[in-house]
Amino acid sequence: MKDENVYKEIINTILKSKIEILGQLAIKKARSVDGIQLSEGGEITSFSIDPKQVLDNFLLKFEEISGVVSNYTAQVVIEKILDKYPDIELPNRLKN
């Protein structure tokens, strides 16, 4: 459960940064990610599959819009979270 909350924090943080740039398109893209449930406001409420896989699916959806640069910006916005949880497993898309 702890890891699930960390993945929620990671995805919510990335999504907020995408909303700043893409607006409602970011929420629409996030809603199309397999394994994710979003609230009306665009916050992660639950996962129906492995959260690490959801994170990878999420990143892939945004690669469709912005290319791999999307992953680099995601790495930047989650740095502080990763400092708090250095042992969290990340998909390859977020590894340096």
PDB file of N, CA and C in Angstrom:
ATOM      1  N   MET A   1       0.820  -1.194   0.000  1.00  0.00           N
ATOM      2  CA  MET A   1       0.000   0.000   0.000  1.00  0.00           C
ATOM      3  C   MET A   1       0.864   1.258   0.000  1.00  0.00           C
ATOM      4  N   LYS A   2       1.968   1.212   0.756  1.00  0.00           N
ATOM      5  CA  LYS A   2       2.847   2.376   0.802  1.00  0.00           C
ATOM      6  C   LYS A   2       3.350   2.709  -0.596  1.00  0.00           C
ATOM      7  N   ASP A   3       3.842   1.687  -1.316  1.00  0.00           N
ATOM      8  CA  ASP A   3       4.338   1.936  -2.667  1.00  0.00           C
ATOM      9  C   ASP A   3       3.241   2.484  -3.570  1.00  0.00           C
ATOM     10  N   GLU A   4       2.021   1.988  -3.416  1.00  0.00           N
ATOM     11  CA  GLU A   4       0.915   2.484  -4.236  1.00  0.00           C
ATOM     12  C   GLU A   4       0.724   3.983  -4.009  1.00  0.00           C
ATOM     13  N   ASN A   5       0.834   4.421  -2.766  1.00  0.00           N
ATOM     14  CA  ASN A   5       0.701   5.849  -2.468  1.00  0.00           C
ATOM     15  C   ASN A   5       1.844   6.655  -3.066  1.00  0.00           C
ATOM     16  N   VAL A   6       3.030   6.081  -3.090  1.00  0.00           N
ATOM     17  CA  VAL A   6       4.171   6.764  -3.705  1.00  0.00           C
ATOM     18  C   VAL A   6       3.938   6.904  -5.209  1.00  0.00           C
ATOM     19  N   TYR A   7       3.465   5.848  -5.844  1.00  0.00           N
ATOM     20  CA  TYR A   7       3.174   5.929  -7.281  1.00  0.00           C
ATOM     21  C   TYR A   7       2.076   6.954  -7.562  1.00  0.00           C
ATOM     22  N   LYS A   8       1.076   7.024  -6.696  1.00  0.00           N
ATOM     23  CA  LYS A   8       0.040   8.055  -6.852  1.00  0.00           C
ATOM     24  C   LYS A   8       0.667   9.441  -6.783  1.00  0.00           C
ATOM     25  N   GLU A   9       1.536   9.643  -5.798  1.00  0.00           N
ATOM     26  CA  GLU A   9       2.196  10.938  -5.645  1.00  0.00           C
ATOM     27  C   GLU A   9       3.031  11.270  -6.880  1.00  0.00           C
ATOM     28  N   ILE A  10       3.759  10.296  -7.398  1.00  0.00           N
ATOM     29  CA  ILE A  10       4.583  10.508  -8.592  1.00  0.00           C
ATOM     30  C   ILE A  10       3.708  10.884  -9.786  1.00  0.00           C
ATOM     31  N   ILE A  11       2.678  10.096 -10.043  1.00  0.00           N
ATOM     32  CA  ILE A  11       1.833  10.357 -11.213  1.00  0.00           C
ATOM     33  C   ILE A  11       1.081  11.671 -11.055  1.00  0.00           C
ATOM     34  N   ASN A  12       0.551  11.949  -9.863  1.00  0.00           N
ATOM     35  CA  ASN A  12      -0.154  13.212  -9.653  1.00  0.00           C
ATOM     36  C   ASN A  12       0.763  14.408  -9.867  1.00  0.00           C
ATOM     37  N   THR A  13       2.004  14.303  -9.420  1.00  0.00           N
ATOM     38  CA  THR A  13       2.962  15.393  -9.600  1.00  0.00           C
ATOM     39  C   THR A  13       3.268  15.607 -11.076  1.00  0.00           C
ATOM     40  N   ILE A  14       3.506  14.528 -11.794  1.00  0.00           N
ATOM     41  CA  ILE A  14       3.771  14.642 -13.233  1.00  0.00           C
ATOM     42  C   ILE A  14       2.546  15.200 -13.944  1.00  0.00           C
ATOM     43  N   LEU A  15       1.373  14.699 -13.586  1.00  0.00           N
ATOM     44  CA  LEU A  15       0.149  15.154 -14.244  1.00  0.00           C
ATOM     45  C   LEU A  15      -0.076  16.650 -14.025  1.00  0.00           C
ATOM     46  N   LYS A  16       0.168  17.133 -12.822  1.00  0.00           N
ATOM     47  CA  LYS A  16       0.013  18.573 -12.559  1.00  0.00           C
ATOM     48  C   LYS A  16       0.916  19.385 -13.473  1.00  0.00           C
ATOM     49  N   SER A  17       2.142  18.918 -13.679  1.00  0.00           N
ATOM     50  CA  SER A  17       3.056  19.654 -14.569  1.00  0.00           C
ATOM     51  C   SER A  17       2.572  19.606 -16.012  1.00  0.00           C
ATOM     52  N   LYS A  18       1.977  18.485 -16.408  1.00  0.00           N
ATOM     53  CA  LYS A  18       1.447  18.363 -17.776  1.00  0.00           C
ATOM     54  C   LYS A  18       0.216  19.255 -17.961  1.00  0.00           C
ATOM     55  N   ILE A  19      -0.613  19.362 -16.926  1.00  0.00           N
ATOM     56  CA  ILE A  19      -1.798  20.219 -17.002  1.00  0.00           C
ATOM     57  C   ILE A  19      -1.388  21.676 -17.192  1.00  0.00           C
ATOM     58  N   GLU A  20      -0.306  22.097 -16.532  1.00  0.00           N
ATOM     59  CA  GLU A  20       0.179  23.474 -16.691  1.00  0.00           C
ATOM     60  C   GLU A  20       0.511  23.778 -18.145  1.00  0.00           C
ATOM     61  N   ILE A  21       0.988  22.790 -18.867  1.00  0.00           N
ATOM     62  CA  ILE A  21       1.400  22.984 -20.260  1.00  0.00           C
ATOM     63  C   ILE A  21       0.266  22.675 -21.231  1.00  0.00           C
ATOM     64  N   LEU A  22      -0.420  21.573 -21.010  1.00  0.00           N
ATOM     65  CA  LEU A  22      -1.388  21.066 -21.987  1.00  0.00           C
ATOM     66  C   LEU A  22      -2.852  21.306 -21.621  1.00  0.00           C
ATOM     67  N   GLY A  23      -3.113  21.750 -20.409  1.00  0.00           N
ATOM     68  CA  GLY A  23      -4.489  21.990 -19.982  1.00  0.00           C
ATOM     69  C   GLY A  23      -5.302  20.706 -19.935  1.00  0.00           C
ATOM     70  N   GLN A  24      -6.548  20.789 -20.389  1.00  0.00           N
ATOM     71  CA  GLN A  24      -7.475  19.659 -20.321  1.00  0.00           C
ATOM     72  C   GLN A  24      -7.028  18.460 -21.156  1.00  0.00           C
ATOM     73  N   LEU A  25      -6.199  18.703 -22.165  1.00  0.00           N
ATOM     74  CA  LEU A  25      -5.672  17.590 -22.957  1.00  0.00           C
ATOM     75  C   LEU A  25      -4.896  16.619 -22.066  1.00  0.00           C
ATOM     76  N   ALA A  26      -4.194  17.150 -21.065  1.00  0.00           N
ATOM     77  CA  ALA A  26      -3.433  16.290 -20.154  1.00  0.00           C
ATOM     78  C   ALA A  26      -4.363  15.371 -19.367  1.00  0.00           C
ATOM     79  N   ILE A  27      -5.477  15.901 -18.897  1.00  0.00           N
ATOM     80  CA  ILE A  27      -6.430  15.076 -18.151  1.00  0.00           C
ATOM     81  C   ILE A  27      -7.055  14.039 -19.076  1.00  0.00           C
ATOM     82  N   LYS A  28      -7.382  14.460 -20.289  1.00  0.00           N
ATOM     83  CA  LYS A  28      -7.958  13.522 -21.261  1.00  0.00           C
ATOM     84  C   LYS A  28      -6.980  12.371 -21.535  1.00  0.00           C
ATOM     85  N   LYS A  29      -5.703  12.702 -21.724  1.00  0.00           N
ATOM     86  CA  LYS A  29      -4.683  11.664 -21.963  1.00  0.00           C
ATOM     87  C   LYS A  29      -4.562  10.748 -20.754  1.00  0.00           C
ATOM     88  N   ALA A  30      -4.540  11.331 -19.560  1.00  0.00           N
ATOM     89  CA  ALA A  30      -4.400  10.529 -18.340  1.00  0.00           C
ATOM     90  C   ALA A  30      -5.575   9.567 -18.188  1.00  0.00           C
ATOM     91  N   ARG A  31      -6.758  10.011 -18.527  1.00  0.00           N
ATOM     92  CA  ARG A  31      -7.943   9.147 -18.427  1.00  0.00           C
ATOM     93  C   ARG A  31      -7.868   7.963 -19.394  1.00  0.00           C
ATOM     94  N   SER A  32      -7.065   8.088 -20.445  1.00  0.00           N
ATOM     95  CA  SER A  32      -6.959   7.004 -21.428  1.00  0.00           C
ATOM     96  C   SER A  32      -5.897   5.962 -21.065  1.00  0.00           C
ATOM     97  N   VAL A  33      -5.217   6.159 -19.950  1.00  0.00           N
ATOM     98  CA  VAL A  33      -4.167   5.233 -19.515  1.00  0.00           C
ATOM     99  C   VAL A  33      -4.804   3.985 -18.906  1.00  0.00           C
ATOM    100  N   ASP A  34      -4.378   2.823 -19.381  1.00  0.00           N
ATOM    101  CA  ASP A  34      -4.865   1.556 -18.829  1.00  0.00           C
ATOM    102  C   ASP A  34      -4.458   1.418 -17.367  1.00  0.00           C
ATOM    103  N   GLY A  35      -5.408   0.990 -16.535  1.00  0.00           N
ATOM    104  CA  GLY A  35      -5.102   0.666 -15.149  1.00  0.00           C
ATOM    105  C   GLY A  35      -5.202   1.808 -14.171  1.00  0.00           C
ATOM    106  N   ILE A  36      -5.710   2.952 -14.605  1.00  0.00           N
ATOM    107  CA  ILE A  36      -5.743   4.128 -13.747  1.00  0.00           C
ATOM    108  C   ILE A  36      -7.177   4.611 -13.568  1.00  0.00           C
ATOM    109  N   GLN A  37      -7.472   5.079 -12.367  1.00  0.00           N
ATOM    110  CA  GLN A  37      -8.768   5.696 -12.076  1.00  0.00           C
ATOM    111  C   GLN A  37      -8.498   7.122 -11.615  1.00  0.00           C
ATOM    112  N   LEU A  38      -9.192   8.083 -12.218  1.00  0.00           N
ATOM    113  CA  LEU A  38      -9.013   9.490 -11.860  1.00  0.00           C
ATOM    114  C   LEU A  38     -10.295  10.062 -11.284  1.00  0.00           C
ATOM    115  N   SER A  39     -10.135  10.999 -10.353  1.00  0.00           N
ATOM    116  CA  SER A  39     -11.283  11.742  -9.841  1.00  0.00           C
ATOM    117  C   SER A  39     -11.706  12.766 -10.889  1.00  0.00           C
ATOM    118  N   GLU A  40     -12.819  13.421 -10.651  1.00  0.00           N
ATOM    119  CA  GLU A  40     -13.289  14.467 -11.569  1.00  0.00           C
ATOM    120  C   GLU A  40     -12.240  15.567 -11.727  1.00  0.00           C
ATOM    121  N   GLY A  41     -11.511  15.846 -10.651  1.00  0.00           N
ATOM    122  CA  GLY A  41     -10.497  16.895 -10.679  1.00  0.00           C
ATOM    123  C   GLY A  41      -9.170  16.474 -11.277  1.00  0.00           C
ATOM    124  N   GLY A  42      -9.055  15.206 -11.664  1.00  0.00           N
ATOM    125  CA  GLY A  42      -7.834  14.743 -12.298  1.00  0.00           C
ATOM    126  C   GLY A  42      -6.799  14.170 -11.353  1.00  0.00           C
ATOM    127  N   GLU A  43      -7.203  13.781 -10.141  1.00  0.00           N
ATOM    128  CA  GLU A  43      -6.291  13.150  -9.185  1.00  0.00           C
ATOM    129  C   GLU A  43      -6.430  11.631  -9.278  1.00  0.00           C
ATOM    130  N   ILE A  44      -5.332  10.925  -9.093  1.00  0.00           N
ATOM    131  CA  ILE A  44      -5.358   9.462  -9.082  1.00  0.00           C
ATOM    132  C   ILE A  44      -6.145   8.998  -7.858  1.00  0.00           C
ATOM    133  N   THR A  45      -7.101   8.111  -8.074  1.00  0.00           N
ATOM    134  CA  THR A  45      -7.840   7.543  -6.944  1.00  0.00           C
ATOM    135  C   THR A  45      -7.461   6.089  -6.701  1.00  0.00           C
ATOM    136  N   SER A  46      -7.177   5.346  -7.778  1.00  0.00           N
ATOM    137  CA  SER A  46      -6.793   3.941  -7.594  1.00  0.00           C
ATOM    138  C   SER A  46      -6.170   3.377  -8.865  1.00  0.00           C
ATOM    139  N   PHE A  47      -5.571   2.211  -8.678  1.00  0.00           N
ATOM    140  CA  PHE A  47      -4.973   1.466  -9.779  1.00  0.00           C
ATOM    141  C   PHE A  47      -5.687   0.127  -9.894  1.00  0.00           C
ATOM    142  N   SER A  48      -5.882  -0.338 -11.123  1.00  0.00           N
ATOM    143  CA  SER A  48      -6.476  -1.666 -11.299  1.00  0.00           C
ATOM    144  C   SER A  48      -5.438  -2.700 -11.740  1.00  0.00           C
ATOM    145  N   ILE A  49      -4.216  -2.236 -11.997  1.00  0.00           N
ATOM    146  CA  ILE A  49      -3.090  -3.121 -12.297  1.00  0.00           C
ATOM    147  C   ILE A  49      -1.875  -2.609 -11.541  1.00  0.00           C
ATOM    148  N   ASP A  50      -0.755  -3.255 -11.691  1.00  0.00           N
ATOM    149  CA  ASP A  50       0.481  -2.885 -11.008  1.00  0.00           C
ATOM    150  C   ASP A  50       0.791  -1.399 -11.198  1.00  0.00           C
ATOM    151  N   PRO A  51       0.975  -0.638 -10.108  1.00  0.00           N
ATOM    152  CA  PRO A  51       1.214   0.803 -10.220  1.00  0.00           C
ATOM    153  C   PRO A  51       2.454   1.174 -11.041  1.00  0.00           C
ATOM    154  N   LYS A  52       3.501   0.356 -10.964  1.00  0.00           N
ATOM    155  CA  LYS A  52       4.689   0.639 -11.773  1.00  0.00           C
ATOM    156  C   LYS A  52       4.343   0.545 -13.256  1.00  0.00           C
ATOM    157  N   GLN A  53       3.541  -0.432 -13.629  1.00  0.00           N
ATOM    158  CA  GLN A  53       3.108  -0.571 -15.022  1.00  0.00           C
ATOM    159  C   GLN A  53       2.217   0.602 -15.428  1.00  0.00           C
ATOM    160  N   VAL A  54       1.363   1.043 -14.513  1.00  0.00           N
ATOM    161  CA  VAL A  54       0.515   2.210 -14.794  1.00  0.00           C
ATOM    162  C   VAL A  54       1.386   3.431 -15.057  1.00  0.00           C
ATOM    163  N   LEU A  55       2.412   3.627 -14.240  1.00  0.00           N
ATOM    164  CA  LEU A  55       3.321   4.757 -14.443  1.00  0.00           C
ATOM    165  C   LEU A  55       3.965   4.676 -15.818  1.00  0.00           C
ATOM    166  N   ASP A  56       4.402   3.502 -16.212  1.00  0.00           N
ATOM    167  CA  ASP A  56       5.000   3.334 -17.536  1.00  0.00           C
ATOM    168  C   ASP A  56       3.974   3.634 -18.634  1.00  0.00           C
ATOM    169  N   ASN A  57       2.753   3.130 -18.484  1.00  0.00           N
ATOM    170  CA  ASN A  57       1.685   3.409 -19.451  1.00  0.00           C
ATOM    171  C   ASN A  57       1.406   4.909 -19.536  1.00  0.00           C
ATOM    172  N   PHE A  58       1.391   5.548 -18.377  1.00  0.00           N
ATOM    173  CA  PHE A  58       1.148   6.989 -18.280  1.00  0.00           C
ATOM    174  C   PHE A  58       2.218   7.763 -19.053  1.00  0.00           C
ATOM    175  N   LEU A  59       3.472   7.420 -18.813  1.00  0.00           N
ATOM    176  CA  LEU A  59       4.579   8.093 -19.500  1.00  0.00           C
ATOM    177  C   LEU A  59       4.503   7.883 -21.007  1.00  0.00           C
ATOM    178  N   LEU A  60       4.146   6.685 -21.420  1.00  0.00           N
ATOM    179  CA  LEU A  60       4.025   6.375 -22.844  1.00  0.00           C
ATOM    180  C   LEU A  60       2.961   7.243 -23.509  1.00  0.00           C
ATOM    181  N   LYS A  61       1.838   7.456 -22.846  1.00  0.00           N
ATOM    182  CA  LYS A  61       0.775   8.302 -23.409  1.00  0.00           C
ATOM    183  C   LYS A  61       1.280   9.716 -23.672  1.00  0.00           C
ATOM    184  N   PHE A  62       2.090  10.242 -22.766  1.00  0.00           N
ATOM    185  CA  PHE A  62       2.591  11.600 -22.945  1.00  0.00           C
ATOM    186  C   PHE A  62       3.750  11.663 -23.932  1.00  0.00           C
ATOM    187  N   GLU A  63       4.448  10.543 -24.122  1.00  0.00           N
ATOM    188  CA  GLU A  63       5.445  10.468 -25.199  1.00  0.00           C
ATOM    189  C   GLU A  63       4.770  10.637 -26.552  1.00  0.00           C
ATOM    190  N   GLU A  64       3.543  10.153 -26.673  1.00  0.00           N
ATOM    191  CA  GLU A  64       2.805  10.283 -27.934  1.00  0.00           C
ATOM    192  C   GLU A  64       2.615  11.748 -28.316  1.00  0.00           C
ATOM    193  N   ILE A  65       2.531  12.622 -27.336  1.00  0.00           N
ATOM    194  CA  ILE A  65       2.331  14.054 -27.588  1.00  0.00           C
ATOM    195  C   ILE A  65       3.665  14.782 -27.730  1.00  0.00           C
ATOM    196  N   SER A  66       4.569  14.555 -26.788  1.00  0.00           N
ATOM    197  CA  SER A  66       5.780  15.375 -26.672  1.00  0.00           C
ATOM    198  C   SER A  66       7.080  14.648 -26.964  1.00  0.00           C
ATOM    199  N   GLY A  67       7.026  13.365 -27.258  1.00  0.00           N
ATOM    200  CA  GLY A  67       8.252  12.613 -27.463  1.00  0.00           C
ATOM    201  C   GLY A  67       8.944  12.323 -26.143  1.00  0.00           C
ATOM    202  N   VAL A  68      10.175  11.843 -26.219  1.00  0.00           N
ATOM    203  CA  VAL A  68      10.895  11.438 -25.008  1.00  0.00           C
ATOM    204  C   VAL A  68      11.234  12.617 -24.107  1.00  0.00           C
ATOM    205  N   VAL A  69      11.188  13.831 -24.632  1.00  0.00           N
ATOM    206  CA  VAL A  69      11.427  15.000 -23.779  1.00  0.00           C
ATOM    207  C   VAL A  69      10.419  15.031 -22.630  1.00  0.00           C
ATOM    208  N   SER A  70       9.260  14.453 -22.852  1.00  0.00           N
ATOM    209  CA  SER A  70       8.243  14.364 -21.808  1.00  0.00           C
ATOM    210  C   SER A  70       8.777  13.603 -20.596  1.00  0.00           C
ATOM    211  N   ASN A  71       9.568  12.570 -20.828  1.00  0.00           N
ATOM    212  CA  ASN A  71      10.138  11.790 -19.725  1.00  0.00           C
ATOM    213  C   ASN A  71      11.194  12.584 -18.970  1.00  0.00           C
ATOM    214  N   TYR A  72      11.965  13.395 -19.675  1.00  0.00           N
ATOM    215  CA  TYR A  72      12.982  14.210 -19.011  1.00  0.00           C
ATOM    216  C   TYR A  72      12.338  15.239 -18.100  1.00  0.00           C
ATOM    217  N   THR A  73      11.267  15.862 -18.565  1.00  0.00           N
ATOM    218  CA  THR A  73      10.583  16.832 -17.704  1.00  0.00           C
ATOM    219  C   THR A  73       9.944  16.124 -16.511  1.00  0.00           C
ATOM    220  N   ALA A  74       9.445  14.918 -16.718  1.00  0.00           N
ATOM    221  CA  ALA A  74       8.878  14.145 -15.607  1.00  0.00           C
ATOM    222  C   ALA A  74       9.951  13.852 -14.559  1.00  0.00           C
ATOM    223  N   GLN A  75      11.154  13.501 -15.002  1.00  0.00           N
ATOM    224  CA  GLN A  75      12.248  13.227 -14.066  1.00  0.00           C
ATOM    225  C   GLN A  75      12.524  14.442 -13.188  1.00  0.00           C
ATOM    226  N   VAL A  76      12.494  15.616 -13.787  1.00  0.00           N
ATOM    227  CA  VAL A  76      12.785  16.844 -13.044  1.00  0.00           C
ATOM    228  C   VAL A  76      11.723  17.104 -11.979  1.00  0.00           C
ATOM    229  N   VAL A  77      10.448  16.975 -12.341  1.00  0.00           N
ATOM    230  CA  VAL A  77       9.392  17.331 -11.391  1.00  0.00           C
ATOM    231  C   VAL A  77       9.237  16.328 -10.253  1.00  0.00           C
ATOM    232  N   ILE A  78       9.781  15.130 -10.398  1.00  0.00           N
ATOM    233  CA  ILE A  78       9.644  14.137  -9.316  1.00  0.00           C
ATOM    234  C   ILE A  78      10.925  13.955  -8.503  1.00  0.00           C
ATOM    235  N   GLU A  79      11.931  14.776  -8.742  1.00  0.00           N
ATOM    236  CA  GLU A  79      13.206  14.618  -8.025  1.00  0.00           C
ATOM    237  C   GLU A  79      13.031  14.593  -6.512  1.00  0.00           C
ATOM    238  N   LYS A  80      12.234  15.512  -5.970  1.00  0.00           N
ATOM    239  CA  LYS A  80      12.060  15.584  -4.516  1.00  0.00           C
ATOM    240  C   LYS A  80      11.353  14.343  -3.973  1.00  0.00           C
ATOM    241  N   ILE A  81      10.428  13.810  -4.738  1.00  0.00           N
ATOM    242  CA  ILE A  81       9.738  12.586  -4.312  1.00  0.00           C
ATOM    243  C   ILE A  81      10.733  11.433  -4.257  1.00  0.00           C
ATOM    244  N   LEU A  82      11.583  11.350  -5.261  1.00  0.00           N
ATOM    245  CA  LEU A  82      12.566  10.264  -5.305  1.00  0.00           C
ATOM    246  C   LEU A  82      13.593  10.392  -4.190  1.00  0.00           C
ATOM    247  N   ASP A  83      13.869  11.625  -3.758  1.00  0.00           N
ATOM    248  CA  ASP A  83      14.763  11.810  -2.614  1.00  0.00           C
ATOM    249  C   ASP A  83      14.144  11.206  -1.351  1.00  0.00           C
ATOM    250  N   LYS A  84      12.819  11.315  -1.228  1.00  0.00           N
ATOM    251  CA  LYS A  84      12.119  10.766  -0.058  1.00  0.00           C
ATOM    252  C   LYS A  84      11.994   9.246  -0.127  1.00  0.00           C
ATOM    253  N   TYR A  85      11.895   8.718  -1.350  1.00  0.00           N
ATOM    254  CA  TYR A  85      11.658   7.278  -1.549  1.00  0.00           C
ATOM    255  C   TYR A  85      12.674   6.710  -2.540  1.00  0.00           C
ATOM    256  N   PRO A  86      13.941   6.666  -2.155  1.00  0.00           N
ATOM    257  CA  PRO A  86      14.983   6.249  -3.110  1.00  0.00           C
ATOM    258  C   PRO A  86      14.870   4.797  -3.568  1.00  0.00           C
ATOM    259  N   ASP A  87      14.134   3.973  -2.836  1.00  0.00           N
ATOM    260  CA  ASP A  87      14.036   2.555  -3.194  1.00  0.00           C
ATOM    261  C   ASP A  87      12.844   2.221  -4.086  1.00  0.00           C
ATOM    262  N   ILE A  88      12.057   3.216  -4.452  1.00  0.00           N
ATOM    263  CA  ILE A  88      10.889   2.946  -5.294  1.00  0.00           C
ATOM    264  C   ILE A  88      11.352   2.488  -6.676  1.00  0.00           C
ATOM    265  N   GLU A  89      10.711   1.467  -7.187  1.00  0.00           N
ATOM    266  CA  GLU A  89      11.067   0.958  -8.515  1.00  0.00           C
ATOM    267  C   GLU A  89      10.423   1.825  -9.584  1.00  0.00           C
ATOM    268  N   LEU A  90      11.237   2.259 -10.528  1.00  0.00           N
ATOM    269  CA  LEU A  90      10.757   3.104 -11.617  1.00  0.00           C
ATOM    270  C   LEU A  90      10.842   2.361 -12.942  1.00  0.00           C
ATOM    271  N   PRO A  91       9.949   2.696 -13.870  1.00  0.00           N
ATOM    272  CA  PRO A  91      10.076   2.130 -15.217  1.00  0.00           C
ATOM    273  C   PRO A  91      11.336   2.673 -15.891  1.00  0.00           C
ATOM    274  N   ASN A  92      11.839   1.960 -16.861  1.00  0.00           N
ATOM    275  CA  ASN A  92      13.060   2.377 -17.557  1.00  0.00           C
ATOM    276  C   ASN A  92      12.956   3.773 -18.140  1.00  0.00           C
ATOM    277  N   ARG A  93      11.758   4.194 -18.516  1.00  0.00           N
ATOM    278  CA  ARG A  93      11.578   5.529 -19.098  1.00  0.00           C
ATOM    279  C   ARG A  93      12.016   6.636 -18.153  1.00  0.00           C
ATOM    280  N   LEU A  94      12.028   6.379 -16.848  1.00  0.00           N
ATOM    281  CA  LEU A  94      12.402   7.401 -15.871  1.00  0.00           C
ATOM    282  C   LEU A  94      13.800   7.215 -15.305  1.00  0.00           C
ATOM    283  N   LYS A  95      14.518   6.254 -15.814  1.00  0.00           N
ATOM    284  CA  LYS A  95      15.883   6.040 -15.324  1.00  0.00           C
ATOM    285  C   LYS A  95      16.850   6.830 -16.187  1.00  0.00           C
ATOM    286  N   ASN A  96      17.852   7.377 -15.529  1.00  0.00           N
ATOM    287  CA  ASN A  96      18.850   8.197 -16.252  1.00  0.00           C
ATOM    288  C   ASN A  96      19.681   7.375 -17.188  1.00  0.00           C
TER     289      ASN A  96
END
